[in-house]
């Protein structure tokens, strides 16, 4: 099990969760943040600092946001638009920096005003 970042994060990218994460498992896409399901240690430090309540434990993701559970994993497992290979498990977001692209689910959301 892991924590998941869902729709409220799109176009917000507050990064308070990134700074709170002790294992550097929160990666930055173009419009949203993503938690690596294999690197997350389930500590929960990210959840209370999220200003838009976008983070939830996998079992607690509201049904309406359930597609974001698989979508967080997809960000790492599949090539993203503009990338030839999957991101995989690079061992920390700090090594990678902002990725600059998102999953089709996130990219398909209309921009927030």
Protein backbone atom coordinates (compact mmCIF):
# COMPACT_ATOMS: atom_id res chain seq x y z
CA UNK A 1 0.00 0.00 0.00
CA UNK A 2 1.03 3.59 -0.58
CA UNK A 3 -0.19 7.15 -0.54
CA UNK A 4 -1.77 8.65 -3.67
CA UNK A 5 -1.98 12.19 -5.00
CA UNK A 6 -5.29 12.88 -6.73
CA UNK A 7 -7.12 15.53 -8.79
CA UNK A 8 -6.99 18.44 -6.29
CA UNK A 9 -3.23 18.70 -6.94
CA UNK A 10 -3.60 19.37 -10.66
CA UNK A 11 -2.23 22.85 -11.48
CA UNK A 12 -1.47 23.52 -7.80
CA UNK A 13 2.00 21.92 -7.32
CA UNK A 14 2.35 23.34 -3.81
CA UNK A 15 5.37 21.12 -3.01
CA UNK A 16 4.90 21.22 0.79
CA UNK A 17 4.53 17.44 0.60
CA UNK A 18 7.81 17.14 -1.32
CA UNK A 19 9.66 19.02 1.39
CA UNK A 20 8.05 16.90 4.12
CA UNK A 21 8.73 13.51 2.50
CA UNK A 22 11.65 11.79 4.28
CA UNK A 23 12.37 9.38 1.40
CA UNK A 24 12.13 11.77 -1.59
CA UNK A 25 9.42 9.70 -3.34
CA UNK A 26 7.21 12.54 -4.62
CA UNK A 27 7.98 13.43 -8.22
CA UNK A 28 6.95 16.52 -10.16
CA UNK A 29 5.18 16.20 -13.47
CA UNK A 30 4.09 19.11 -15.61
CA UNK A 31 0.79 19.81 -13.85
CA UNK A 32 0.73 17.51 -10.82
CA UNK A 33 2.84 15.63 -8.30
CA UNK A 34 3.05 11.82 -8.14
CA UNK A 35 4.03 9.43 -5.32
CA UNK A 36 6.19 6.51 -6.38
CA UNK A 37 4.37 3.39 -5.10
CA UNK A 38 7.57 1.36 -4.58
CA UNK A 39 9.60 4.13 -2.96
CA UNK A 40 6.90 5.35 -0.56
CA UNK A 41 7.38 3.97 2.97
CA UNK A 42 3.80 4.77 4.05
CA UNK A 43 4.91 7.22 6.75
CA UNK A 44 2.04 9.64 6.04
CA UNK A 45 4.15 12.78 6.53
CA UNK A 46 2.93 14.21 3.22
CA UNK A 47 -0.80 13.98 3.86
CA UNK A 48 -1.32 16.60 6.61
CA UNK A 49 0.78 19.28 4.89
CA UNK A 50 -1.12 19.21 1.58
CA UNK A 51 -3.07 22.49 1.40
CA UNK A 52 -5.67 21.09 -1.02
CA UNK A 53 -6.13 17.66 0.62
CA UNK A 54 -5.04 15.88 -2.56
CA UNK A 55 -3.15 13.10 -0.73
CA UNK A 56 -4.79 10.02 0.72
CA UNK A 57 -3.78 6.54 1.80
CA UNK A 58 -4.50 4.14 -1.07
CA UNK A 59 -7.38 2.44 0.78
CA UNK A 60 -8.89 5.83 1.68
CA UNK A 61 -8.96 7.44 -1.77
CA UNK A 62 -12.56 8.57 -2.39
CA UNK A 63 -14.35 6.50 -5.03
CA UNK A 64 -14.65 9.49 -7.36
CA UNK A 65 -10.84 9.81 -7.34
CA UNK A 66 -10.06 6.08 -7.51
CA UNK A 67 -8.53 6.28 -11.03
CA UNK A 68 -5.68 8.30 -9.54
CA UNK A 69 -4.40 5.28 -7.61
CA UNK A 70 -3.43 3.44 -10.80
CA UNK A 71 -2.48 6.73 -12.42
CA UNK A 72 0.22 7.43 -9.82
CA UNK A 73 1.79 4.05 -10.64
CA UNK A 74 1.36 4.64 -14.39
CA UNK A 75 3.48 7.81 -14.13
CA UNK A 76 6.49 5.59 -13.33
CA UNK A 77 5.63 2.39 -15.22
CA UNK A 78 4.79 3.71 -18.69
CA UNK A 79 6.52 6.14 -21.06
CA UNK A 80 4.97 9.59 -20.73
CA UNK A 81 4.21 11.85 -23.67
CA UNK A 82 7.52 13.18 -24.94
CA UNK A 83 9.55 10.36 -23.32
CA UNK A 84 10.75 7.17 -25.00
CA UNK A 85 11.08 5.13 -21.81
CA UNK A 86 9.32 4.76 -18.49
CA UNK A 87 10.71 6.66 -15.52
CA UNK A 88 10.92 3.44 -13.51
CA UNK A 89 12.35 3.64 -10.01
CA UNK A 90 15.16 6.18 -10.09
CA UNK A 91 15.59 6.13 -6.31
CA UNK A 92 14.52 9.65 -5.47
CA UNK A 93 12.89 12.67 -7.02
CA UNK A 94 15.88 14.88 -6.26
CA UNK A 95 17.98 12.87 -8.71
CA UNK A 96 15.43 13.41 -11.48
CA UNK A 97 14.11 16.93 -10.96
CA UNK A 98 10.87 18.06 -12.60
CA UNK A 99 9.80 15.59 -15.28
CA UNK A 100 7.76 18.14 -17.22
CA UNK A 101 5.07 15.77 -18.50
CA UNK A 102 2.05 14.04 -17.05
CA UNK A 103 -0.04 10.94 -17.49
CA UNK A 104 -2.88 11.18 -20.01
CA UNK A 105 -5.40 11.30 -17.13
CA UNK A 106 -3.83 14.44 -15.64
CA UNK A 107 -3.01 16.00 -19.00
CA UNK A 108 -6.65 15.61 -20.04
CA UNK A 109 -8.00 17.77 -17.24
CA UNK A 110 -8.93 21.32 -18.25
CA UNK A 111 -6.52 23.93 -16.86
CA UNK A 112 -7.54 25.58 -13.62
CA UNK A 113 -8.15 29.28 -13.82
